[in-house]
Amino acid sequence: MQPTSLYERLGGIYSIATVVDDFIDRIMIDDRLNANPHVNEAHHRVLPPGFKYLVTEMVGEATGGPQRYTGRTMEDSHRDLLITGDEWEAFIDDFNQTLDKFKVTQQERAELLAIVESTRDSIVVGPES
């Protein structure tokens, strides 16, 4: 028997979209992230439904689903935000809070965090706080 993909173990795109919805709502109002004026401006410029759609697409593809991410590269979309290591840690904290809310099991959590961590070097471009 073949092991199921992370996508399947997470419950497919509807479950992923539900988690992404909560996560994006969480990061959009996080004062730790919005203290960065570039991030704050982006959070007020980007409409949440479109942002949620692209993140859902990305997570679907990254976890083995049939979706294909159609947005800009992580480097292109974050370059001008000057995100620091401390802001990255706040982002990860928000992600973990969302995973806690939905009771994502340890194995799936570890796999999701590894996927997110794989983007760090393309996102964290600013100096440490």
Protein backbone atom coordinates (compact mmCIF):
# COMPACT_ATOMS: atom_id res chain seq x y z
CA MET A 1 0.00 0.00 0.00
CA GLN A 2 1.37 3.41 -0.99
CA PRO A 3 1.63 6.07 1.70
CA THR A 4 -0.89 8.85 1.29
CA SER A 5 0.35 12.31 0.41
CA LEU A 6 0.46 15.09 2.96
CA TYR A 7 -2.32 16.70 0.91
CA GLU A 8 -4.56 13.68 1.49
CA ARG A 9 -3.60 13.37 5.16
CA LEU A 10 -4.56 17.02 5.68
CA GLY A 11 -8.00 16.35 4.23
CA GLY A 12 -7.59 17.85 0.75
CA ILE A 13 -8.14 21.35 -0.54
CA TYR A 14 -11.22 22.20 1.55
CA SER A 15 -9.40 21.49 4.80
CA ILE A 16 -6.29 23.29 3.56
CA ALA A 17 -8.37 26.32 2.53
CA THR A 18 -9.98 26.43 5.98
CA VAL A 19 -6.60 26.45 7.71
CA VAL A 20 -5.20 29.04 5.29
CA ASP A 21 -8.25 31.24 5.89
CA ASP A 22 -7.57 31.29 9.63
CA PHE A 23 -3.83 31.75 9.18
CA ILE A 24 -4.10 34.69 6.79
CA ASP A 25 -6.66 36.38 9.06
CA ARG A 26 -4.19 35.89 11.93
CA ILE A 27 -1.12 37.34 10.17
CA MET A 28 -3.01 40.30 8.70
CA ILE A 29 -3.71 41.69 12.18
CA ASP A 30 -0.51 40.62 13.95
CA ASP A 31 1.03 43.76 15.48
CA ARG A 32 4.46 42.07 15.47
CA LEU A 33 4.29 41.84 11.68
CA ASN A 34 2.50 45.12 11.07
CA ALA A 35 5.14 47.03 13.05
CA ASN A 36 7.17 46.71 9.84
CA PRO A 37 5.74 49.58 7.73
CA HIS A 38 6.37 47.67 4.49
CA VAL A 39 4.40 44.65 5.72
CA ASN A 40 1.66 46.86 7.16
CA GLU A 41 1.27 48.65 3.83
CA ALA A 42 1.15 45.33 1.95
CA HIS A 43 -1.48 44.01 4.36
CA HIS A 44 -3.66 47.01 3.54
CA ARG A 45 -2.99 46.89 -0.21
CA VAL A 46 -3.57 43.17 -0.85
CA LEU A 47 -7.16 41.96 -0.65
CA PRO A 48 -7.40 38.98 1.74
CA PRO A 49 -9.54 36.74 -0.54
CA GLY A 50 -6.97 36.84 -3.35
CA PHE A 51 -4.10 36.35 -0.92
CA LYS A 52 -5.88 33.37 0.64
CA TYR A 53 -6.51 31.90 -2.80
CA LEU A 54 -2.83 32.04 -3.77
CA VAL A 55 -1.64 30.63 -0.44
CA THR A 56 -4.21 27.82 -0.71
CA GLU A 57 -2.95 27.06 -4.22
CA MET A 58 0.63 27.05 -2.98
CA VAL A 59 -0.06 24.76 -0.03
CA GLY A 60 -2.12 22.44 -2.22
CA GLU A 61 0.76 22.05 -4.66
CA ALA A 62 3.48 21.85 -1.98
CA THR A 63 1.65 19.06 -0.14
CA GLY A 64 1.13 16.89 -3.22
CA GLY A 65 -2.28 18.04 -4.41
CA PRO A 66 -3.29 18.72 -8.00
CA GLN A 67 -3.22 22.51 -7.61
CA ARG A 68 -0.53 24.60 -9.29
CA TYR A 69 0.68 27.83 -7.68
CA THR A 70 0.16 30.75 -10.06
CA GLY A 71 1.53 33.62 -7.96
CA ARG A 72 4.88 35.36 -7.97
CA THR A 73 7.98 33.76 -6.51
CA MET A 74 8.51 34.11 -2.77
CA GLU A 75 11.56 36.27 -3.43
CA ASP A 76 9.69 38.60 -5.82
CA SER A 77 6.66 38.98 -3.57
CA HIS A 78 8.66 39.61 -0.36
CA ARG A 79 11.81 41.43 -1.54
CA ASP A 80 10.58 44.95 -0.75
CA LEU A 81 9.05 44.00 2.62
CA LEU A 82 12.46 43.79 4.36
CA ILE A 83 11.24 41.02 6.65
CA THR A 84 13.53 40.37 9.62
CA GLY A 85 14.32 37.16 11.43
CA ASP A 86 12.16 38.30 14.36
CA GLU A 87 9.22 38.91 12.04
CA TRP A 88 9.76 35.46 10.54
CA GLU A 89 9.58 33.97 14.04
CA ALA A 90 6.30 35.85 14.67
CA PHE A 91 4.97 34.45 11.37
CA ILE A 92 5.94 30.92 12.45
CA ASP A 93 4.29 31.51 15.83
CA ASP A 94 1.07 32.52 14.05
CA PHE A 95 1.32 29.43 11.87
CA ASN A 96 1.72 27.21 14.92
CA GLN A 97 -1.28 28.88 16.60
CA THR A 98 -3.39 28.05 13.54
CA LEU A 99 -2.11 24.46 13.48
CA ASP A 100 -2.95 24.19 17.20
CA LYS A 101 -6.47 25.51 16.59
CA PHE A 102 -7.11 22.79 14.00
CA LYS A 103 -5.32 20.10 16.02
CA VAL A 104 -2.89 19.23 13.21
CA THR A 105 -1.01 16.12 14.30
CA GLN A 106 2.74 16.15 14.98
CA GLN A 107 3.80 14.37 11.77
CA GLU A 108 1.76 16.61 9.48
CA ARG A 109 2.79 19.70 11.49
CA ALA A 110 6.47 18.80 11.07
CA GLU A 111 6.02 18.31 7.32
CA LEU A 112 4.14 21.61 6.95
CA LEU A 113 6.76 23.49 8.98
CA ALA A 114 9.51 22.00 6.79
CA ILE A 115 7.71 23.28 3.70
CA VAL A 116 7.34 26.75 5.22
CA GLU A 117 10.96 26.77 6.45
CA SER A 118 12.13 25.94 2.91
CA THR A 119 10.92 29.43 1.87
CA ARG A 120 12.73 31.34 4.64
CA ASP A 121 15.80 32.33 2.61
CA SER A 122 13.56 33.80 -0.09
CA ILE A 123 11.48 35.79 2.40
CA VAL A 124 13.79 37.00 5.17
CA VAL A 125 15.84 39.66 3.45
CA GLY A 126 15.97 42.40 6.05
CA PRO A 127 18.37 42.80 8.93
CA GLU A 128 17.78 41.09 12.27
CA SER A 129 15.84 43.25 14.70
